[in-house]
Structures are given as structure tokens and as C-alpha cells.
PDB file of all heavy atoms in Angstrom:
ATOM      1  N   ASP A   1      51.643  15.661   4.324  1.00  0.00           N
ATOM      2  CA  ASP A   1      51.197  16.637   5.311  1.00  0.00           C
ATOM      3  C   ASP A   1      51.890  16.370   6.701  1.00  0.00           C
ATOM      4  O   ASP A   1      51.917  15.253   7.231  1.00  0.00           O
ATOM      5  CB  ASP A   1      49.622  16.504   5.579  1.00  0.00           C
ATOM      6  CG  ASP A   1      49.131  17.323   6.646  1.00  0.00           C
ATOM      7  OD1 ASP A   1      49.541  18.579   6.762  1.00  0.00           O
ATOM      8  OD2 ASP A   1      48.342  16.816   7.430  1.00  0.00           O
ATOM      9  N   PRO A   2      52.481  17.444   7.309  1.00  0.00           N
ATOM     10  CA  PRO A   2      53.286  17.325   8.551  1.00  0.00           C
ATOM     11  C   PRO A   2      52.427  16.641   9.656  1.00  0.00           C
ATOM     12  O   PRO A   2      52.982  15.830  10.428  1.00  0.00           O
ATOM     13  CB  PRO A   2      53.690  18.727   8.933  1.00  0.00           C
ATOM     14  CG  PRO A   2      53.679  19.490   7.617  1.00  0.00           C
ATOM     15  CD  PRO A   2      52.603  18.813   6.765  1.00  0.00           C
ATOM     16  N   GLU A   3      51.153  17.012   9.689  1.00  0.00           N
ATOM     17  CA  GLU A   3      50.317  16.313  10.817  1.00  0.00           C
ATOM     18  C   GLU A   3      50.216  14.899  10.578  1.00  0.00           C
ATOM     19  O   GLU A   3      50.193  14.072  11.642  1.00  0.00           O
ATOM     20  CB  GLU A   3      48.864  16.911  10.714  1.00  0.00           C
ATOM     21  CG  GLU A   3      48.057  16.719  12.002  1.00  0.00           C
ATOM     22  CD  GLU A   3      48.700  17.191  13.305  1.00  0.00           C
ATOM     23  OE1 GLU A   3      49.213  18.231  13.203  1.00  0.00           O
ATOM     24  OE2 GLU A   3      48.487  16.584  14.267  1.00  0.00           O
ATOM     25  N   SER A   4      50.154  14.328   9.335  1.00  0.00           N
ATOM     26  CA  SER A   4      50.104  12.884   9.069  1.00  0.00           C
ATOM     27  C   SER A   4      51.395  12.180   9.442  1.00  0.00           C
ATOM     28  O   SER A   4      51.446  11.142   9.996  1.00  0.00           O
ATOM     29  CB  SER A   4      49.872  12.674   7.578  1.00  0.00           C
ATOM     30  OG  SER A   4      48.607  13.182   7.174  1.00  0.00           O
ATOM     31  N   VAL A   5      52.547  12.978   9.363  1.00  0.00           N
ATOM     32  CA  VAL A   5      53.871  12.371   9.681  1.00  0.00           C
ATOM     33  C   VAL A   5      53.890  12.376  11.310  1.00  0.00           C
ATOM     34  O   VAL A   5      54.362  11.251  11.693  1.00  0.00           O
ATOM     35  CB  VAL A   5      54.954  13.357   9.176  1.00  0.00           C
ATOM     36  CG1 VAL A   5      56.367  12.777   9.624  1.00  0.00           C
ATOM     37  CG2 VAL A   5      54.987  13.350   7.674  1.00  0.00           C
ATOM     38  N   TRP A   6      53.530  13.380  11.955  1.00  0.00           N
ATOM     39  CA  TRP A   6      53.559  13.266  13.398  1.00  0.00           C
ATOM     40  C   TRP A   6      52.561  12.244  13.915  1.00  0.00           C
ATOM     41  O   TRP A   6      52.931  11.574  14.954  1.00  0.00           O
ATOM     42  CB  TRP A   6      53.081  14.686  13.981  1.00  0.00           C
ATOM     43  CG  TRP A   6      54.122  15.733  13.799  1.00  0.00           C
ATOM     44  CD1 TRP A   6      54.088  16.960  13.279  1.00  0.00           C
ATOM     45  CD2 TRP A   6      55.552  15.676  14.315  1.00  0.00           C
ATOM     46  NE1 TRP A   6      55.258  17.619  13.413  1.00  0.00           N
ATOM     47  CE2 TRP A   6      56.157  16.879  14.088  1.00  0.00           C
ATOM     48  CE3 TRP A   6      56.195  14.719  15.051  1.00  0.00           C
ATOM     49  CZ2 TRP A   6      57.555  17.111  14.378  1.00  0.00           C
ATOM     50  CZ3 TRP A   6      57.542  14.957  15.401  1.00  0.00           C
ATOM     51  CH2 TRP A   6      58.188  16.103  15.111  1.00  0.00           C
ATOM     52  N   LYS A   7      51.498  12.080  13.330  1.00  0.00           N
ATOM     53  CA  LYS A   7      50.496  10.978  13.773  1.00  0.00           C
ATOM     54  C   LYS A   7      51.143   9.604  13.503  1.00  0.00           C
ATOM     55  O   LYS A   7      51.044   8.719  14.461  1.00  0.00           O
ATOM     56  CB  LYS A   7      49.219  11.066  12.969  1.00  0.00           C
ATOM     57  CG  LYS A   7      48.147  10.016  13.371  1.00  0.00           C
ATOM     58  CD  LYS A   7      46.863  10.176  12.587  1.00  0.00           C
ATOM     59  CE  LYS A   7      45.893   9.186  13.116  1.00  0.00           C
ATOM     60  NZ  LYS A   7      44.567   9.317  12.273  1.00  0.00           N
ATOM     61  N   ALA A   8      51.901   9.447  12.463  1.00  0.00           N
ATOM     62  CA  ALA A   8      52.500   8.181  12.217  1.00  0.00           C
ATOM     63  C   ALA A   8      53.665   7.932  13.216  1.00  0.00           C
ATOM     64  O   ALA A   8      53.810   6.855  13.811  1.00  0.00           O
ATOM     65  CB  ALA A   8      53.071   8.195  10.758  1.00  0.00           C
ATOM     66  N   LYS A   9      54.365   9.042  13.493  1.00  0.00           N
ATOM     67  CA  LYS A   9      55.425   8.910  14.475  1.00  0.00           C
ATOM     68  C   LYS A   9      54.876   8.505  15.952  1.00  0.00           C
ATOM     69  O   LYS A   9      55.522   7.834  16.635  1.00  0.00           O
ATOM     70  CB  LYS A   9      56.252  10.194  14.616  1.00  0.00           C
ATOM     71  CG  LYS A   9      57.426  10.141  15.685  1.00  0.00           C
ATOM     72  CD  LYS A   9      58.190  11.402  15.556  1.00  0.00           C
ATOM     73  CE  LYS A   9      59.214  11.463  16.752  1.00  0.00           C
ATOM     74  NZ  LYS A   9      59.955  10.256  16.837  1.00  0.00           N
ATOM     75  N   LYS A  10      53.744   9.096  16.294  1.00  0.00           N
ATOM     76  CA  LYS A  10      53.137   8.736  17.511  1.00  0.00           C
ATOM     77  C   LYS A  10      52.812   7.346  17.623  1.00  0.00           C
ATOM     78  O   LYS A  10      53.055   6.656  18.631  1.00  0.00           O
ATOM     79  CB  LYS A  10      51.869   9.636  17.673  1.00  0.00           C
ATOM     80  CG  LYS A  10      51.127   9.344  19.026  1.00  0.00           C
ATOM     81  CD  LYS A  10      49.755  10.034  19.113  1.00  0.00           C
ATOM     82  CE  LYS A  10      48.770   9.313  18.404  1.00  0.00           C
ATOM     83  NZ  LYS A  10      47.315   9.739  18.558  1.00  0.00           N
ATOM     84  N   LEU A  11      52.285   6.680  16.564  1.00  0.00           N
ATOM     85  CA  LEU A  11      51.863   5.292  16.515  1.00  0.00           C
ATOM     86  C   LEU A  11      53.186   4.413  16.587  1.00  0.00           C
ATOM     87  O   LEU A  11      53.172   3.402  17.287  1.00  0.00           O
ATOM     88  CB  LEU A  11      51.174   4.874  15.199  1.00  0.00           C
ATOM     89  CG  LEU A  11      49.757   5.625  15.156  1.00  0.00           C
ATOM     90  CD1 LEU A  11      49.116   5.120  13.822  1.00  0.00           C
ATOM     91  CD2 LEU A  11      48.839   5.213  16.338  1.00  0.00           C
ATOM     92  N   VAL A  12      54.180   4.804  15.911  1.00  0.00           N
ATOM     93  CA  VAL A  12      55.447   4.127  15.963  1.00  0.00           C
ATOM     94  C   VAL A  12      56.105   4.176  17.317  1.00  0.00           C
ATOM     95  O   VAL A  12      56.554   3.132  17.908  1.00  0.00           O
ATOM     96  CB  VAL A  12      56.390   4.636  14.844  1.00  0.00           C
ATOM     97  CG1 VAL A  12      57.821   3.917  14.964  1.00  0.00           C
ATOM     98  CG2 VAL A  12      55.922   4.375  13.480  1.00  0.00           C
ATOM     99  N   ASP A  13      56.176   5.309  17.853  1.00  0.00           N
ATOM    100  CA  ASP A  13      56.814   5.516  19.161  1.00  0.00           C
ATOM    101  C   ASP A  13      56.100   4.723  20.310  1.00  0.00           C
ATOM    102  O   ASP A  13      56.697   4.299  21.236  1.00  0.00           O
ATOM    103  CB  ASP A  13      56.869   6.960  19.537  1.00  0.00           C
ATOM    104  CG  ASP A  13      58.032   7.661  18.662  1.00  0.00           C
ATOM    105  OD1 ASP A  13      58.743   7.013  18.063  1.00  0.00           O
ATOM    106  OD2 ASP A  13      57.891   8.975  18.746  1.00  0.00           O
ATOM    107  N   SER A  14      54.732   4.628  20.150  1.00  0.00           N
ATOM    108  CA  SER A  14      53.957   3.938  21.189  1.00  0.00           C
ATOM    109  C   SER A  14      53.956   2.454  21.040  1.00  0.00           C
ATOM    110  O   SER A  14      53.439   1.786  21.907  1.00  0.00           O
ATOM    111  CB  SER A  14      52.532   4.469  21.194  1.00  0.00           C
ATOM    112  OG  SER A  14      51.897   4.168  19.995  1.00  0.00           O
ATOM    113  N   THR A  15      54.486   1.972  19.951  1.00  0.00           N
ATOM    114  CA  THR A  15      54.368   0.576  19.683  1.00  0.00           C
ATOM    115  C   THR A  15      55.752  -0.182  19.563  1.00  0.00           C
ATOM    116  O   THR A  15      55.855  -1.249  20.053  1.00  0.00           O
ATOM    117  CB  THR A  15      53.685   0.282  18.260  1.00  0.00           C
ATOM    118  OG1 THR A  15      52.378   0.932  18.334  1.00  0.00           O
ATOM    119  CG2 THR A  15      53.462  -1.187  17.911  1.00  0.00           C
ATOM    120  N   PHE A  16      56.705   0.533  19.105  1.00  0.00           N
ATOM    121  CA  PHE A  16      58.028  -0.054  18.949  1.00  0.00           C
ATOM    122  C   PHE A  16      59.077   0.453  19.908  1.00  0.00           C
ATOM    123  O   PHE A  16      59.009   1.690  20.271  1.00  0.00           O
ATOM    124  CB  PHE A  16      58.594   0.103  17.489  1.00  0.00           C
ATOM    125  CG  PHE A  16      57.662  -0.409  16.503  1.00  0.00           C
ATOM    126  CD1 PHE A  16      56.588   0.361  15.961  1.00  0.00           C
ATOM    127  CD2 PHE A  16      57.887  -1.757  16.110  1.00  0.00           C
ATOM    128  CE1 PHE A  16      55.807  -0.257  14.927  1.00  0.00           C
ATOM    129  CE2 PHE A  16      57.020  -2.255  15.062  1.00  0.00           C
ATOM    130  CZ  PHE A  16      56.022  -1.522  14.474  1.00  0.00           C
ATOM    131  N   HIS A  17      59.948  -0.332  20.402  1.00  0.00           N
ATOM    132  CA  HIS A  17      60.907   0.098  21.417  1.00  0.00           C
ATOM    133  C   HIS A  17      61.986   0.939  20.833  1.00  0.00           C
ATOM    134  O   HIS A  17      62.473   0.698  19.744  1.00  0.00           O
ATOM    135  CB  HIS A  17      61.614  -1.205  22.046  1.00  0.00           C
ATOM    136  CG  HIS A  17      62.316  -0.899  23.369  1.00  0.00           C
ATOM    137  ND1 HIS A  17      63.550  -0.202  23.335  1.00  0.00           N
ATOM    138  CD2 HIS A  17      61.904  -1.089  24.592  1.00  0.00           C
ATOM    139  CE1 HIS A  17      63.962  -0.085  24.587  1.00  0.00           C
ATOM    140  NE2 HIS A  17      62.976  -0.562  25.437  1.00  0.00           N
ATOM    141  N   SER A  18      62.283   2.044  21.569  1.00  0.00           N
ATOM    142  CA  SER A  18      63.205   3.078  20.921  1.00  0.00           C
ATOM    143  C   SER A  18      64.661   2.610  20.800  1.00  0.00           C
ATOM    144  O   SER A  18      65.412   3.041  19.961  1.00  0.00           O
ATOM    145  CB  SER A  18      63.205   4.335  21.756  1.00  0.00           C
ATOM    146  OG  SER A  18      63.594   4.066  23.076  1.00  0.00           O
ATOM    147  N   ASP A  19      65.004   1.537  21.557  1.00  0.00           N
ATOM    148  CA  ASP A  19      66.345   1.082  21.495  1.00  0.00           C
ATOM    149  C   ASP A  19      66.469  -0.011  20.359  1.00  0.00           C
ATOM    150  O   ASP A  19      67.535  -0.103  19.627  1.00  0.00           O
ATOM    151  CB  ASP A  19      66.905   0.517  22.808  1.00  0.00           C
ATOM    152  CG  ASP A  19      67.293   1.511  23.753  1.00  0.00           C
ATOM    153  OD1 ASP A  19      67.544   2.700  23.340  1.00  0.00           O
ATOM    154  OD2 ASP A  19      67.156   1.252  24.993  1.00  0.00           O
ATOM    155  N   THR A  20      65.564  -0.985  20.393  1.00  0.00           N
ATOM    156  CA  THR A  20      65.729  -2.200  19.556  1.00  0.00           C
ATOM    157  C   THR A  20      64.870  -1.982  18.153  1.00  0.00           C
ATOM    158  O   THR A  20      65.130  -2.713  17.225  1.00  0.00           O
ATOM    159  CB  THR A  20      65.194  -3.491  20.294  1.00  0.00           C
ATOM    160  OG1 THR A  20      63.802  -3.215  20.585  1.00  0.00           O
ATOM    161  CG2 THR A  20      65.958  -3.560  21.552  1.00  0.00           C
ATOM    162  N   GLY A  21      63.839  -1.125  18.201  1.00  0.00           N
ATOM    163  CA  GLY A  21      63.105  -1.180  17.075  1.00  0.00           C
ATOM    164  C   GLY A  21      62.010  -2.313  16.943  1.00  0.00           C
ATOM    165  O   GLY A  21      61.172  -2.306  16.007  1.00  0.00           O
ATOM    166  N   GLU A  22      61.989  -3.127  17.962  1.00  0.00           N
ATOM    167  CA  GLU A  22      61.166  -4.248  17.970  1.00  0.00           C
ATOM    168  C   GLU A  22      59.711  -3.930  18.551  1.00  0.00           C
ATOM    169  O   GLU A  22      59.677  -3.031  19.459  1.00  0.00           O
ATOM    170  CB  GLU A  22      61.718  -5.399  18.722  1.00  0.00           C
ATOM    171  CG  GLU A  22      62.957  -5.979  18.125  1.00  0.00           C
ATOM    172  CD  GLU A  22      63.549  -7.086  18.971  1.00  0.00           C
ATOM    173  OE1 GLU A  22      62.992  -7.423  20.034  1.00  0.00           O
ATOM    174  OE2 GLU A  22      64.553  -7.650  18.556  1.00  0.00           O
ATOM    175  N   LYS A  23      58.700  -4.568  18.144  1.00  0.00           N
ATOM    176  CA  LYS A  23      57.415  -4.278  18.660  1.00  0.00           C
ATOM    177  C   LYS A  23      57.298  -4.844  20.046  1.00  0.00           C
ATOM    178  O   LYS A  23      57.611  -5.893  20.382  1.00  0.00           O
ATOM    179  CB  LYS A  23      56.288  -4.955  17.779  1.00  0.00           C
ATOM    180  CG  LYS A  23      54.824  -4.567  18.044  1.00  0.00           C
ATOM    181  CD  LYS A  23      53.855  -5.342  17.250  1.00  0.00           C
ATOM    182  CE  LYS A  23      53.981  -5.045  15.802  1.00  0.00           C
ATOM    183  NZ  LYS A  23      53.018  -5.725  14.915  1.00  0.00           N
ATOM    184  N   ILE A  24      56.641  -3.866  20.957  1.00  0.00           N
ATOM    185  CA  ILE A  24      56.493  -4.250  22.305  1.00  0.00           C
ATOM    186  C   ILE A  24      55.190  -5.090  22.400  1.00  0.00           C
ATOM    187  O   ILE A  24      54.133  -4.755  21.784  1.00  0.00           O
ATOM    188  CB  ILE A  24      56.399  -2.923  23.233  1.00  0.00           C
ATOM    189  CG1 ILE A  24      57.678  -2.141  23.135  1.00  0.00           C
ATOM    190  CG2 ILE A  24      56.033  -3.261  24.627  1.00  0.00           C
ATOM    191  CD1 ILE A  24      57.493  -0.732  23.775  1.00  0.00           C
ATOM    192  N   LEU A  25      55.261  -6.165  23.236  1.00  0.00           N
ATOM    193  CA  LEU A  25      54.073  -6.981  23.420  1.00  0.00           C
ATOM    194  C   LEU A  25      52.867  -6.126  23.789  1.00  0.00           C
ATOM    195  O   LEU A  25      52.997  -5.349  24.878  1.00  0.00           O
ATOM    196  CB  LEU A  25      54.438  -8.081  24.455  1.00  0.00           C
ATOM    197  CG  LEU A  25      53.351  -9.197  24.559  1.00  0.00           C
ATOM    198  CD1 LEU A  25      53.312 -10.002  23.316  1.00  0.00           C
ATOM    199  CD2 LEU A  25      53.764 -10.189  25.707  1.00  0.00           C
ATOM    200  N   LEU A  26      51.753  -6.297  23.293  1.00  0.00           N
ATOM    201  CA  LEU A  26      50.618  -5.318  23.382  1.00  0.00           C
ATOM    202  C   LEU A  26      50.166  -4.983  24.858  1.00  0.00           C
ATOM    203  O   LEU A  26      50.014  -3.928  25.198  1.00  0.00           O
ATOM    204  CB  LEU A  26      49.453  -5.808  22.511  1.00  0.00           C
ATOM    205  CG  LEU A  26      48.269  -4.772  22.499  1.00  0.00           C
ATOM    206  CD1 LEU A  26      47.595  -5.029  21.103  1.00  0.00           C
ATOM    207  CD2 LEU A  26      47.214  -5.036  23.607  1.00  0.00           C
ATOM    208  N   PRO A  27      49.999  -6.142  25.696  1.00  0.00           N
ATOM    209  CA  PRO A  27      49.497  -5.773  27.076  1.00  0.00           C
ATOM    210  C   PRO A  27      50.472  -4.942  27.872  1.00  0.00           C
ATOM    211  O   PRO A  27      50.153  -4.353  28.886  1.00  0.00           O
ATOM    212  CB  PRO A  27      49.378  -7.170  27.716  1.00  0.00           C
ATOM    213  CG  PRO A  27      49.255  -8.116  26.650  1.00  0.00           C
ATOM    214  CD  PRO A  27      50.185  -7.505  25.524  1.00  0.00           C
ATOM    215  N   PHE A  28      51.705  -4.885  27.457  1.00  0.00           N
ATOM    216  CA  PHE A  28      52.787  -4.179  28.182  1.00  0.00           C
ATOM    217  C   PHE A  28      53.312  -2.936  27.531  1.00  0.00           C
ATOM    218  O   PHE A  28      54.392  -2.352  27.932  1.00  0.00           O
ATOM    219  CB  PHE A  28      53.920  -5.154  28.654  1.00  0.00           C
ATOM    220  CG  PHE A  28      53.344  -6.419  29.216  1.00  0.00           C
ATOM    221  CD1 PHE A  28      53.475  -7.604  28.498  1.00  0.00           C
ATOM    222  CD2 PHE A  28      52.729  -6.303  30.412  1.00  0.00           C
ATOM    223  CE1 PHE A  28      52.944  -8.770  29.120  1.00  0.00           C
ATOM    224  CE2 PHE A  28      52.160  -7.468  30.976  1.00  0.00           C
ATOM    225  CZ  PHE A  28      52.240  -8.705  30.431  1.00  0.00           C
ATOM    226  N   ARG A  29      52.657  -2.485  26.538  1.00  0.00           N
ATOM    227  CA  ARG A  29      52.949  -1.173  25.962  1.00  0.00           C
ATOM    228  C   ARG A  29      52.440  -0.021  26.937  1.00  0.00           C
ATOM    229  O   ARG A  29      51.454  -0.227  27.616  1.00  0.00           O
ATOM    230  CB  ARG A  29      52.300  -0.871  24.671  1.00  0.00           C
ATOM    231  CG  ARG A  29      52.757  -1.835  23.467  1.00  0.00           C
ATOM    232  CD  ARG A  29      51.904  -1.773  22.269  1.00  0.00           C
ATOM    233  NE  ARG A  29      52.145  -2.937  21.410  1.00  0.00           N
ATOM    234  CZ  ARG A  29      51.473  -3.265  20.273  1.00  0.00           C
ATOM    235  NH1 ARG A  29      50.465  -2.413  19.884  1.00  0.00           N
ATOM    236  NH2 ARG A  29      51.822  -4.202  19.550  1.00  0.00           N
ATOM    237  N   MET A  30      53.053   1.042  26.898  1.00  0.00           N
ATOM    238  CA  MET A  30      52.685   2.057  27.887  1.00  0.00           C
ATOM    239  C   MET A  30      51.209   2.631  27.584  1.00  0.00           C
ATOM    240  O   MET A  30      50.541   3.052  28.482  1.00  0.00           O
ATOM    241  CB  MET A  30      53.515   3.253  27.920  1.00  0.00           C
ATOM    242  CG  MET A  30      55.006   2.953  28.364  1.00  0.00           C
ATOM    243  SD  MET A  30      55.057   1.964  30.009  1.00  0.00           S
ATOM    244  CE  MET A  30      54.393   3.361  31.108  1.00  0.00           C
ATOM    245  N   SER A  31      50.793   2.494  26.396  1.00  0.00           N
ATOM    246  CA  SER A  31      49.414   2.854  25.993  1.00  0.00           C
ATOM    247  C   SER A  31      48.367   1.916  26.546  1.00  0.00           C
ATOM    248  O   SER A  31      47.145   2.130  26.577  1.00  0.00           O
ATOM    249  CB  SER A  31      49.239   2.929  24.446  1.00  0.00           C
ATOM    250  OG  SER A  31      49.639   1.706  23.844  1.00  0.00           O
ATOM    251  N   CYS A  32      48.843   0.671  26.982  1.00  0.00           N
ATOM    252  CA  CYS A  32      47.966  -0.361  27.612  1.00  0.00           C
ATOM    253  C   CYS A  32      48.162  -0.362  29.089  1.00  0.00           C
ATOM    254  O   CYS A  32      47.637  -1.249  29.765  1.00  0.00           O
ATOM    255  CB  CYS A  32      48.270  -1.634  26.950  1.00  0.00           C
ATOM    256  SG  CYS A  32      46.956  -2.895  27.170  1.00  0.00           S
ATOM    257  N   PHE A  33      48.928   0.621  29.668  1.00  0.00           N
ATOM    258  CA  PHE A  33      49.200   0.627  31.150  1.00  0.00           C
ATOM    259  C   PHE A  33      47.911   0.611  31.982  1.00  0.00           C
ATOM    260  O   PHE A  33      47.691  -0.130  32.933  1.00  0.00           O
ATOM    261  CB  PHE A  33      50.018   1.820  31.495  1.00  0.00           C
ATOM    262  CG  PHE A  33      50.562   1.753  32.757  1.00  0.00           C
ATOM    263  CD1 PHE A  33      51.779   1.144  33.254  1.00  0.00           C
ATOM    264  CD2 PHE A  33      49.764   2.315  33.933  1.00  0.00           C
ATOM    265  CE1 PHE A  33      52.196   1.169  34.543  1.00  0.00           C
ATOM    266  CE2 PHE A  33      50.283   2.359  35.211  1.00  0.00           C
ATOM    267  CZ  PHE A  33      51.425   1.752  35.567  1.00  0.00           C
ATOM    268  N   VAL A  34      46.969   1.516  31.493  1.00  0.00           N
ATOM    269  CA  VAL A  34      45.707   1.713  32.266  1.00  0.00           C
ATOM    270  C   VAL A  34      44.887   0.498  32.233  1.00  0.00           C
ATOM    271  O   VAL A  34      44.357  -0.060  33.199  1.00  0.00           O
ATOM    272  CB  VAL A  34      44.955   2.929  31.837  1.00  0.00           C
ATOM    273  CG1 VAL A  34      43.528   3.027  32.489  1.00  0.00           C
ATOM    274  CG2 VAL A  34      45.680   4.148  32.076  1.00  0.00           C
ATOM    275  N   PRO A  35      44.512  -0.017  31.080  1.00  0.00           N
ATOM    276  CA  PRO A  35      43.638  -1.258  30.951  1.00  0.00           C
ATOM    277  C   PRO A  35      44.340  -2.436  31.599  1.00  0.00           C
ATOM    278  O   PRO A  35      43.656  -3.176  32.303  1.00  0.00           O
ATOM    279  CB  PRO A  35      43.677  -1.570  29.372  1.00  0.00           C
ATOM    280  CG  PRO A  35      43.827  -0.237  28.669  1.00  0.00           C
ATOM    281  CD  PRO A  35      44.774   0.455  29.619  1.00  0.00           C
ATOM    282  N   THR A  36      45.641  -2.636  31.622  1.00  0.00           N
ATOM    283  CA  THR A  36      46.182  -3.830  32.172  1.00  0.00           C
ATOM    284  C   THR A  36      46.231  -3.690  33.773  1.00  0.00           C
ATOM    285  O   THR A  36      46.031  -4.721  34.405  1.00  0.00           O
ATOM    286  CB  THR A  36      47.725  -3.846  31.761  1.00  0.00           C
ATOM    287  OG1 THR A  36      47.784  -4.073  30.301  1.00  0.00           O
ATOM    288  CG2 THR A  36      48.401  -5.062  32.259  1.00  0.00           C
ATOM    289  N   ASN A  37      46.343  -2.412  34.243  1.00  0.00           N
ATOM    290  CA  ASN A  37      46.415  -2.249  35.688  1.00  0.00           C
ATOM    291  C   ASN A  37      45.108  -2.021  36.440  1.00  0.00           C
ATOM    292  O   ASN A  37      45.107  -2.108  37.642  1.00  0.00           O
ATOM    293  CB  ASN A  37      47.511  -1.171  35.985  1.00  0.00           C
ATOM    294  CG  ASN A  37      48.951  -1.541  35.875  1.00  0.00           C
ATOM    295  OD1 ASN A  37      49.474  -2.132  36.740  1.00  0.00           O
ATOM    296  ND2 ASN A  37      49.512  -1.364  34.697  1.00  0.00           N
ATOM    297  N   ALA A  38      44.127  -1.546  35.712  1.00  0.00           N
ATOM    298  CA  ALA A  38      42.869  -1.098  36.319  1.00  0.00           C
ATOM    299  C   ALA A  38      42.235  -2.213  37.323  1.00  0.00           C
ATOM    300  O   ALA A  38      41.993  -1.919  38.490  1.00  0.00           O
ATOM    301  CB  ALA A  38      41.854  -0.713  35.333  1.00  0.00           C
TER     302      ALA A  38
END
């Protein structure tokens, strides 16, 4: 299902660096920007 593919891509893009493909340390992912900075 295309929706499942897009959901998977969202998780991958928010977790792994687009240049290296390596996992970004959790507190410094952009999805953690608000909890880290609040």
C-alpha cells in the first residue's frame, strides 16, 4: 500500500541522516527538537 511506503519513508527520513544513512542520536533528531529545547 502506498500509504505504508510513505509512512516508512517518514520514519526513515526523521531518524537517519540523508548524507550518511547513519542513525542520528535520538536527543538531537529534529523530531526531538521540542522536547530537548523546551
